[in-house]
Every structure is written in structure tokens, then in C-alpha cells.
Amino acid sequence: MSYPLKGPRYLNKTVDAILKLKREKIRSDICVKNIRRLTGVDGANRSVVVFYAKALNFLEQKGALRTINRSSPKKYAIIDEDKLKSFFKG
């Protein structure tokens, strides 16, 4: 039985990684590269990297994250932590 998702695939893992980055103060900025390194995903696994990028873009559209710079890699900052936690199931 599948349940409807509140957003793109890997959203739950992305939010968990963002909260872990903030909680452990590993990095102040959030980008796909930091999340990928934290979760142990190889850079060659392009499908997972794209899923993380789409999840970050979705969270930006919902108002939980804000873009710091638009260059590569695109970096984000947390605006509303409560809204961010509302997307985390677990």
C-alpha cells in the first residue's frame, strides 16, 4: 500500500539530513553536496542526487528554505524550522 507523498521522492531523507546538519553544526549552508556526503551517497548515483536537488527546490518553494546564492552548487539557508519539521515523517 502506498501513501501519497507531501512532495518529491527523498523528501523525508532530505529534511532529516538538513536537520542533522543544523543540529550537529557540520555546515552552516545547505547544498546537495553536503547532504550527499552526510548520507553516504556516491556522486555517481545521479538519480539520488537529482532527487535531493528536487527536494531542496520543493522546500524552497514551500518557504522553508531560502537561496543564498544561485551559482553552482546552489546553497540554501533555513528560514522556518517549524515548517521544515512539518515535512519530516518520523
PDB file of N, CA and C in Angstrom:
ATOM      1  N   MET A   1       0.847  -1.168   0.000  1.00  0.00           N
ATOM      2  CA  MET A   1       0.000   0.000   0.000  1.00  0.00           C
ATOM      3  C   MET A   1       0.895   1.233   0.000  1.00  0.00           C
ATOM      4  N   SER A   2       0.683   2.114  -0.935  1.00  0.00           N
ATOM      5  CA  SER A   2       1.484   3.335  -0.979  1.00  0.00           C
ATOM      6  C   SER A   2       0.645   4.517  -0.519  1.00  0.00           C
ATOM      7  N   TYR A   3       1.298   5.409   0.162  1.00  0.00           N
ATOM      8  CA  TYR A   3       0.639   6.600   0.672  1.00  0.00           C
ATOM      9  C   TYR A   3       1.054   7.796  -0.174  1.00  0.00           C
ATOM     10  N   PRO A   4       0.174   8.768  -0.344  1.00  0.00           N
ATOM     11  CA  PRO A   4       0.568   9.947  -1.118  1.00  0.00           C
ATOM     12  C   PRO A   4       1.645  10.740  -0.393  1.00  0.00           C
ATOM     13  N   LEU A   5       2.617  11.193  -1.133  1.00  0.00           N
ATOM     14  CA  LEU A   5       3.723  11.946  -0.560  1.00  0.00           C
ATOM     15  C   LEU A   5       3.398  13.428  -0.519  1.00  0.00           C
ATOM     16  N   LYS A   6       3.946  14.121   0.467  1.00  0.00           N
ATOM     17  CA  LYS A   6       3.832  15.573   0.529  1.00  0.00           C
ATOM     18  C   LYS A   6       5.034  16.173  -0.174  1.00  0.00           C
ATOM     19  N   GLY A   7       5.179  15.908  -1.439  1.00  0.00           N
ATOM     20  CA  GLY A   7       6.317  16.451  -2.167  1.00  0.00           C
ATOM     21  C   GLY A   7       7.066  15.368  -2.905  1.00  0.00           C
ATOM     22  N   PRO A   8       8.260  15.701  -3.365  1.00  0.00           N
ATOM     23  CA  PRO A   8       9.033  14.769  -4.183  1.00  0.00           C
ATOM     24  C   PRO A   8       9.619  13.609  -3.371  1.00  0.00           C
ATOM     25  N   ARG A   9      10.102  12.633  -4.099  1.00  0.00           N
ATOM     26  CA  ARG A   9      10.761  11.481  -3.503  1.00  0.00           C
ATOM     27  C   ARG A   9      12.004  11.935  -2.738  1.00  0.00           C
ATOM     28  N   TYR A  10      12.369  11.231  -1.705  1.00  0.00           N
ATOM     29  CA  TYR A  10      13.534  11.522  -0.858  1.00  0.00           C
ATOM     30  C   TYR A  10      13.330  12.780  -0.016  1.00  0.00           C
ATOM     31  N   LEU A  11      12.104  13.280   0.092  1.00  0.00           N
ATOM     32  CA  LEU A  11      11.858  14.478   0.890  1.00  0.00           C
ATOM     33  C   LEU A  11      12.146  14.217   2.361  1.00  0.00           C
ATOM     34  N   ASN A  12      11.712  13.069   2.852  1.00  0.00           N
ATOM     35  CA  ASN A  12      11.919  12.734   4.261  1.00  0.00           C
ATOM     36  C   ASN A  12      13.414  12.619   4.578  1.00  0.00           C
ATOM     37  N   LYS A  13      14.167  11.959   3.708  1.00  0.00           N
ATOM     38  CA  LYS A  13      15.615  11.819   3.919  1.00  0.00           C
ATOM     39  C   LYS A  13      16.326  13.163   3.819  1.00  0.00           C
ATOM     40  N   THR A  14      15.848  14.013   2.919  1.00  0.00           N
ATOM     41  CA  THR A  14      16.463  15.325   2.754  1.00  0.00           C
ATOM     42  C   THR A  14      16.247  16.182   3.992  1.00  0.00           C
ATOM     43  N   VAL A  15      15.015  16.208   4.500  1.00  0.00           N
ATOM     44  CA  VAL A  15      14.720  17.012   5.686  1.00  0.00           C
ATOM     45  C   VAL A  15      15.490  16.473   6.888  1.00  0.00           C
ATOM     46  N   ASP A  16      15.571  15.161   7.015  1.00  0.00           N
ATOM     47  CA  ASP A  16      16.335  14.567   8.109  1.00  0.00           C
ATOM     48  C   ASP A  16      17.803  14.975   8.029  1.00  0.00           C
ATOM     49  N   ALA A  17      18.374  14.966   6.837  1.00  0.00           N
ATOM     50  CA  ALA A  17      19.774  15.360   6.665  1.00  0.00           C
ATOM     51  C   ALA A  17      19.973  16.849   6.962  1.00  0.00           C
ATOM     52  N   ILE A  18      19.019  17.700   6.556  1.00  0.00           N
ATOM     53  CA  ILE A  18      19.122  19.135   6.834  1.00  0.00           C
ATOM     54  C   ILE A  18      19.109  19.379   8.337  1.00  0.00           C
ATOM     55  N   LEU A  19      18.194  18.716   9.027  1.00  0.00           N
ATOM     56  CA  LEU A  19      18.107  18.890  10.481  1.00  0.00           C
ATOM     57  C   LEU A  19      19.365  18.370  11.179  1.00  0.00           C
ATOM     58  N   LYS A  20      19.938  17.280  10.640  1.00  0.00           N
ATOM     59  CA  LYS A  20      21.172  16.743  11.207  1.00  0.00           C
ATOM     60  C   LYS A  20      22.350  17.694  10.979  1.00  0.00           C
ATOM     61  N   LEU A  21      22.409  18.300   9.786  1.00  0.00           N
ATOM     62  CA  LEU A  21      23.460  19.281   9.504  1.00  0.00           C
ATOM     63  C   LEU A  21      23.362  20.460  10.462  1.00  0.00           C
ATOM     64  N   LYS A  22      22.152  20.899  10.732  1.00  0.00           N
ATOM     65  CA  LYS A  22      21.957  22.036  11.631  1.00  0.00           C
ATOM     66  C   LYS A  22      22.229  21.650  13.080  1.00  0.00           C
ATOM     67  N   ARG A  23      21.731  20.490  13.494  1.00  0.00           N
ATOM     68  CA  ARG A  23      21.865  20.054  14.881  1.00  0.00           C
ATOM     69  C   ARG A  23      23.328  19.826  15.254  1.00  0.00           C
ATOM     70  N   GLU A  24      24.077  19.191  14.383  1.00  0.00           N
ATOM     71  CA  GLU A  24      25.470  18.881  14.671  1.00  0.00           C
ATOM     72  C   GLU A  24      26.426  19.982  14.214  1.00  0.00           C
ATOM     73  N   LYS A  25      25.878  21.050  13.640  1.00  0.00           N
ATOM     74  CA  LYS A  25      26.656  22.205  13.189  1.00  0.00           C
ATOM     75  C   LYS A  25      27.817  21.787  12.293  1.00  0.00           C
ATOM     76  N   ILE A  26      27.527  20.850  11.399  1.00  0.00           N
ATOM     77  CA  ILE A  26      28.547  20.393  10.452  1.00  0.00           C
ATOM     78  C   ILE A  26      28.813  21.490   9.422  1.00  0.00           C
ATOM     79  N   ARG A  27      27.749  22.014   8.826  1.00  0.00           N
ATOM     80  CA  ARG A  27      27.854  23.075   7.834  1.00  0.00           C
ATOM     81  C   ARG A  27      26.744  24.081   8.078  1.00  0.00           C
ATOM     82  N   SER A  28      27.042  25.343   7.874  1.00  0.00           N
ATOM     83  CA  SER A  28      26.010  26.361   8.042  1.00  0.00           C
ATOM     84  C   SER A  28      25.146  26.480   6.791  1.00  0.00           C
ATOM     85  N   ASP A  29      25.736  26.209   5.639  1.00  0.00           N
ATOM     86  CA  ASP A  29      24.967  26.260   4.405  1.00  0.00           C
ATOM     87  C   ASP A  29      24.514  24.854   4.013  1.00  0.00           C
ATOM     88  N   ILE A  30      23.427  24.803   3.290  1.00  0.00           N
ATOM     89  CA  ILE A  30      22.839  23.528   2.896  1.00  0.00           C
ATOM     90  C   ILE A  30      22.912  23.437   1.374  1.00  0.00           C
ATOM     91  N   CYS A  31      23.487  22.351   0.876  1.00  0.00           N
ATOM     92  CA  CYS A  31      23.509  22.113  -0.562  1.00  0.00           C
ATOM     93  C   CYS A  31      23.464  20.605  -0.791  1.00  0.00           C
ATOM     94  N   VAL A  32      23.262  20.222  -2.029  1.00  0.00           N
ATOM     95  CA  VAL A  32      23.146  18.800  -2.372  1.00  0.00           C
ATOM     96  C   VAL A  32      24.431  18.064  -1.995  1.00  0.00           C
ATOM     97  N   LYS A  33      25.556  18.709  -2.183  1.00  0.00           N
ATOM     98  CA  LYS A  33      26.843  18.070  -1.906  1.00  0.00           C
ATOM     99  C   LYS A  33      26.979  17.713  -0.426  1.00  0.00           C
ATOM    100  N   ASN A  34      26.586  18.627   0.460  1.00  0.00           N
ATOM    101  CA  ASN A  34      26.669  18.353   1.894  1.00  0.00           C
ATOM    102  C   ASN A  34      25.715  17.235   2.308  1.00  0.00           C
ATOM    103  N   ILE A  35      24.515  17.254   1.765  1.00  0.00           N
ATOM    104  CA  ILE A  35      23.537  16.208   2.085  1.00  0.00           C
ATOM    105  C   ILE A  35      24.019  14.862   1.564  1.00  0.00           C
ATOM    106  N   ARG A  36      24.558  14.869   0.352  1.00  0.00           N
ATOM    107  CA  ARG A  36      25.055  13.623  -0.241  1.00  0.00           C
ATOM    108  C   ARG A  36      26.192  13.034   0.586  1.00  0.00           C
ATOM    109  N   ARG A  37      27.103  13.865   1.036  1.00  0.00           N
ATOM    110  CA  ARG A  37      28.219  13.372   1.857  1.00  0.00           C
ATOM    111  C   ARG A  37      27.739  12.857   3.207  1.00  0.00           C
ATOM    112  N   LEU A  38      26.763  13.548   3.797  1.00  0.00           N
ATOM    113  CA  LEU A  38      26.241  13.137   5.091  1.00  0.00           C
ATOM    114  C   LEU A  38      25.530  11.789   5.015  1.00  0.00           C
ATOM    115  N   THR A  39      24.782  11.568   3.946  1.00  0.00           N
ATOM    116  CA  THR A  39      24.029  10.323   3.810  1.00  0.00           C
ATOM    117  C   THR A  39      24.847   9.199   3.195  1.00  0.00           C
ATOM    118  N   GLY A  40      26.051   9.488   2.702  1.00  0.00           N
ATOM    119  CA  GLY A  40      26.913   8.444   2.157  1.00  0.00           C
ATOM    120  C   GLY A  40      26.574   8.031   0.740  1.00  0.00           C
ATOM    121  N   VAL A  41      25.954   8.925  -0.017  1.00  0.00           N
ATOM    122  CA  VAL A  41      25.597   8.626  -1.402  1.00  0.00           C
ATOM    123  C   VAL A  41      26.748   9.033  -2.304  1.00  0.00           C
ATOM    124  N   ASP A  42      27.121   8.146  -3.209  1.00  0.00           N
ATOM    125  CA  ASP A  42      28.193   8.419  -4.151  1.00  0.00           C
ATOM    126  C   ASP A  42      27.719   9.430  -5.188  1.00  0.00           C
ATOM    127  N   GLY A  43      28.602  10.312  -5.617  1.00  0.00           N
ATOM    128  CA  GLY A  43      28.261  11.329  -6.601  1.00  0.00           C
ATOM    129  C   GLY A  43      27.884  10.756  -7.952  1.00  0.00           C
ATOM    130  N   ALA A  44      28.306   9.529  -8.225  1.00  0.00           N
ATOM    131  CA  ALA A  44      27.984   8.885  -9.490  1.00  0.00           C
ATOM    132  C   ALA A  44      26.534   8.400  -9.535  1.00  0.00           C
ATOM    133  N   ASN A  45      25.892   8.327  -8.386  1.00  0.00           N
ATOM    134  CA  ASN A  45      24.488   7.906  -8.333  1.00  0.00           C
ATOM    135  C   ASN A  45      23.618   9.123  -8.639  1.00  0.00           C
ATOM    136  N   ARG A  46      23.517   9.462  -9.905  1.00  0.00           N
ATOM    137  CA  ARG A  46      22.882  10.703 -10.345  1.00  0.00           C
ATOM    138  C   ARG A  46      21.393  10.771 -10.012  1.00  0.00           C
ATOM    139  N   SER A  47      20.711   9.637 -10.017  1.00  0.00           N
ATOM    140  CA  SER A  47      19.276   9.681  -9.747  1.00  0.00           C
ATOM    141  C   SER A  47      18.996  10.166  -8.329  1.00  0.00           C
ATOM    142  N   VAL A  48      19.775   9.723  -7.361  1.00  0.00           N
ATOM    143  CA  VAL A  48      19.578  10.153  -5.975  1.00  0.00           C
ATOM    144  C   VAL A  48      19.960  11.621  -5.823  1.00  0.00           C
ATOM    145  N   VAL A  49      21.019  12.041  -6.494  1.00  0.00           N
ATOM    146  CA  VAL A  49      21.455  13.432  -6.429  1.00  0.00           C
ATOM    147  C   VAL A  49      20.356  14.350  -6.986  1.00  0.00           C
ATOM    148  N   VAL A  50      19.738  13.937  -8.078  1.00  0.00           N
ATOM    149  CA  VAL A  50      18.647  14.724  -8.663  1.00  0.00           C
ATOM    150  C   VAL A  50      17.450  14.758  -7.722  1.00  0.00           C
ATOM    151  N   PHE A  51      17.155  13.644  -7.057  1.00  0.00           N
ATOM    152  CA  PHE A  51      16.046  13.628  -6.098  1.00  0.00           C
ATOM    153  C   PHE A  51      16.305  14.592  -4.939  1.00  0.00           C
ATOM    154  N   TYR A  52      17.537  14.650  -4.447  1.00  0.00           N
ATOM    155  CA  TYR A  52      17.873  15.589  -3.380  1.00  0.00           C
ATOM    156  C   TYR A  52      17.727  17.035  -3.869  1.00  0.00           C
ATOM    157  N   ALA A  53      18.155  17.313  -5.093  1.00  0.00           N
ATOM    158  CA  ALA A  53      18.044  18.661  -5.641  1.00  0.00           C
ATOM    159  C   ALA A  53      16.581  19.076  -5.792  1.00  0.00           C
ATOM    160  N   LYS A  54      15.744  18.146  -6.245  1.00  0.00           N
ATOM    161  CA  LYS A  54      14.320  18.449  -6.386  1.00  0.00           C
ATOM    162  C   LYS A  54      13.665  18.667  -5.031  1.00  0.00           C
ATOM    163  N   ALA A  55      14.078  17.920  -4.027  1.00  0.00           N
ATOM    164  CA  ALA A  55      13.523  18.086  -2.685  1.00  0.00           C
ATOM    165  C   ALA A  55      13.913  19.444  -2.103  1.00  0.00           C
ATOM    166  N   LEU A  56      15.162  19.880  -2.312  1.00  0.00           N
ATOM    167  CA  LEU A  56      15.584  21.198  -1.839  1.00  0.00           C
ATOM    168  C   LEU A  56      14.812  22.308  -2.550  1.00  0.00           C
ATOM    169  N   ASN A  57      14.598  22.152  -3.850  1.00  0.00           N
ATOM    170  CA  ASN A  57      13.826  23.134  -4.609  1.00  0.00           C
ATOM    171  C   ASN A  57      12.381  23.180  -4.110  1.00  0.00           C
ATOM    172  N   PHE A  58      11.794  22.035  -3.810  1.00  0.00           N
ATOM    173  CA  PHE A  58      10.434  21.963  -3.283  1.00  0.00           C
ATOM    174  C   PHE A  58      10.335  22.681  -1.938  1.00  0.00           C
ATOM    175  N   LEU A  59      11.309  22.455  -1.065  1.00  0.00           N
ATOM    176  CA  LEU A  59      11.312  23.106   0.244  1.00  0.00           C
ATOM    177  C   LEU A  59      11.497  24.617   0.114  1.00  0.00           C
ATOM    178  N   GLU A  60      12.235  25.043  -0.905  1.00  0.00           N
ATOM    179  CA  GLU A  60      12.370  26.478  -1.146  1.00  0.00           C
ATOM    180  C   GLU A  60      11.039  27.077  -1.597  1.00  0.00           C
ATOM    181  N   GLN A  61      10.329  26.383  -2.464  1.00  0.00           N
ATOM    182  CA  GLN A  61       9.031  26.869  -2.938  1.00  0.00           C
ATOM    183  C   GLN A  61       7.997  26.926  -1.821  1.00  0.00           C
ATOM    184  N   LYS A  62       8.098  26.026  -0.858  1.00  0.00           N
ATOM    185  CA  LYS A  62       7.153  25.997   0.260  1.00  0.00           C
ATOM    186  C   LYS A  62       7.502  26.998   1.357  1.00  0.00           C
ATOM    187  N   GLY A  63       8.650  27.655   1.251  1.00  0.00           N
ATOM    188  CA  GLY A  63       9.014  28.701   2.194  1.00  0.00           C
ATOM    189  C   GLY A  63       9.805  28.236   3.399  1.00  0.00           C
ATOM    190  N   ALA A  64      10.329  27.019   3.372  1.00  0.00           N
ATOM    191  CA  ALA A  64      11.132  26.520   4.490  1.00  0.00           C
ATOM    192  C   ALA A  64      12.603  26.877   4.328  1.00  0.00           C
ATOM    193  N   LEU A  65      13.055  27.026   3.085  1.00  0.00           N
ATOM    194  CA  LEU A  65      14.449  27.365   2.793  1.00  0.00           C
ATOM    195  C   LEU A  65      14.520  28.628   1.944  1.00  0.00           C
ATOM    196  N   ARG A  66      15.692  29.277   1.976  1.00  0.00           N
ATOM    197  CA  ARG A  66      15.932  30.470   1.183  1.00  0.00           C
ATOM    198  C   ARG A  66      17.255  30.270   0.444  1.00  0.00           C
ATOM    199  N   THR A  67      17.312  30.704  -0.798  1.00  0.00           N
ATOM    200  CA  THR A  67      18.526  30.577  -1.592  1.00  0.00           C
ATOM    201  C   THR A  67      19.549  31.619  -1.157  1.00  0.00           C
ATOM    202  N   ILE A  68      20.769  31.159  -0.874  1.00  0.00           N
ATOM    203  CA  ILE A  68      21.862  32.073  -0.528  1.00  0.00           C
ATOM    204  C   ILE A  68      22.538  32.570  -1.798  1.00  0.00           C
ATOM    205  N   ASN A  69      22.873  31.649  -2.690  1.00  0.00           N
ATOM    206  CA  ASN A  69      23.468  32.019  -3.968  1.00  0.00           C
ATOM    207  C   ASN A  69      22.882  31.144  -5.059  1.00  0.00           C
ATOM    208  N   ARG A  70      22.946  31.600  -6.264  1.00  0.00           N
ATOM    209  CA  ARG A  70      22.373  30.857  -7.381  1.00  0.00           C
ATOM    210  C   ARG A  70      23.437  30.177  -8.239  1.00  0.00           C
ATOM    211  N   SER A  71      24.683  30.295  -7.828  1.00  0.00           N
ATOM    212  CA  SER A  71      25.740  29.649  -8.595  1.00  0.00           C
ATOM    213  C   SER A  71      25.813  28.174  -8.220  1.00  0.00           C
ATOM    214  N   SER A  72      26.679  27.464  -8.872  1.00  0.00           N
ATOM    215  CA  SER A  72      26.799  26.039  -8.628  1.00  0.00           C
ATOM    216  C   SER A  72      27.847  25.792  -7.560  1.00  0.00           C
ATOM    217  N   PRO A  73      27.605  25.055  -6.517  1.00  0.00           N
ATOM    218  CA  PRO A  73      26.337  24.434  -6.132  1.00  0.00           C
ATOM    219  C   PRO A  73      25.407  25.448  -5.475  1.00  0.00           C
ATOM    220  N   LYS A  74      24.139  25.299  -5.742  1.00  0.00           N
ATOM    221  CA  LYS A  74      23.129  26.190  -5.184  1.00  0.00           C
ATOM    222  C   LYS A  74      23.033  25.938  -3.684  1.00  0.00           C
ATOM    223  N   LYS A  75      23.169  26.995  -2.880  1.00  0.00           N
ATOM    224  CA  LYS A  75      23.186  26.853  -1.424  1.00  0.00           C
ATOM    225  C   LYS A  75      21.939  27.485  -0.823  1.00  0.00           C
ATOM    226  N   TYR A  76      21.501  26.892   0.277  1.00  0.00           N
ATOM    227  CA  TYR A  76      20.273  27.322   0.932  1.00  0.00           C
ATOM    228  C   TYR A  76      20.533  27.613   2.408  1.00  0.00           C
ATOM    229  N   ALA A  77      19.626  28.402   2.991  1.00  0.00           N
ATOM    230  CA  ALA A  77      19.609  28.661   4.428  1.00  0.00           C
ATOM    231  C   ALA A  77      18.200  28.363   4.929  1.00  0.00           C
ATOM    232  N   ILE A  78      18.091  27.974   6.184  1.00  0.00           N
ATOM    233  CA  ILE A  78      16.791  27.647   6.765  1.00  0.00           C
ATOM    234  C   ILE A  78      16.088  28.947   7.161  1.00  0.00           C
ATOM    235  N   ILE A  79      14.845  29.098   6.722  1.00  0.00           N
ATOM    236  CA  ILE A  79      14.029  30.255   7.105  1.00  0.00           C
ATOM    237  C   ILE A  79      13.133  29.880   8.277  1.00  0.00           C
ATOM    238  N   ASP A  80      12.359  28.820   8.089  1.00  0.00           N
ATOM    239  CA  ASP A  80      11.358  28.431   9.079  1.00  0.00           C
ATOM    240  C   ASP A  80      11.585  26.967   9.463  1.00  0.00           C
ATOM    241  N   GLU A  81      12.180  26.751  10.630  1.00  0.00           N
ATOM    242  CA  GLU A  81      12.496  25.387  11.054  1.00  0.00           C
ATOM    243  C   GLU A  81      11.241  24.590  11.377  1.00  0.00           C
ATOM    244  N   ASP A  82      10.201  25.246  11.913  1.00  0.00           N
ATOM    245  CA  ASP A  82       8.951  24.541  12.211  1.00  0.00           C
ATOM    246  C   ASP A  82       8.286  24.036  10.944  1.00  0.00           C
ATOM    247  N   LYS A  83       8.301  24.850   9.891  1.00  0.00           N
ATOM    248  CA  LYS A  83       7.724  24.432   8.616  1.00  0.00           C
ATOM    249  C   LYS A  83       8.544  23.286   8.033  1.00  0.00           C
ATOM    250  N   LEU A  84       9.859  23.347   8.210  1.00  0.00           N
ATOM    251  CA  LEU A  84      10.740  22.293   7.724  1.00  0.00           C
ATOM    252  C   LEU A  84      10.447  20.975   8.437  1.00  0.00           C
ATOM    253  N   LYS A  85      10.254  21.048   9.759  1.00  0.00           N
ATOM    254  CA  LYS A  85       9.958  19.840  10.527  1.00  0.00           C
ATOM    255  C   LYS A  85       8.597  19.261  10.182  1.00  0.00           C
ATOM    256  N   SER A  86       7.682  20.076   9.675  1.00  0.00           N
ATOM    257  CA  SER A  86       6.358  19.571   9.318  1.00  0.00           C
ATOM    258  C   SER A  86       6.422  18.617   8.122  1.00  0.00           C
ATOM    259  N   PHE A  87       7.489  18.688   7.328  1.00  0.00           N
ATOM    260  CA  PHE A  87       7.651  17.782   6.196  1.00  0.00           C
ATOM    261  C   PHE A  87       8.334  16.475   6.591  1.00  0.00           C
ATOM    262  N   PHE A  88       8.833  16.387   7.814  1.00  0.00           N
ATOM    263  CA  PHE A  88       9.554  15.189   8.270  1.00  0.00           C
ATOM    264  C   PHE A  88       8.585  14.226   8.929  1.00  0.00           C
ATOM    265  N   LYS A  89       8.552  13.001   8.429  1.00  0.00           N
ATOM    266  CA  LYS A  89       7.695  11.964   8.991  1.00  0.00           C
ATOM    267  C   LYS A  89       8.582  10.961   9.718  1.00  0.00           C
ATOM    268  N   GLY A  90       8.628  11.026  11.014  1.00  0.00           N
ATOM    269  CA  GLY A  90       9.441  10.048  11.737  1.00  0.00           C
ATOM    270  C   GLY A  90       9.973  10.535  13.017  1.00  0.00           C
TER     271      GLY A  90
END
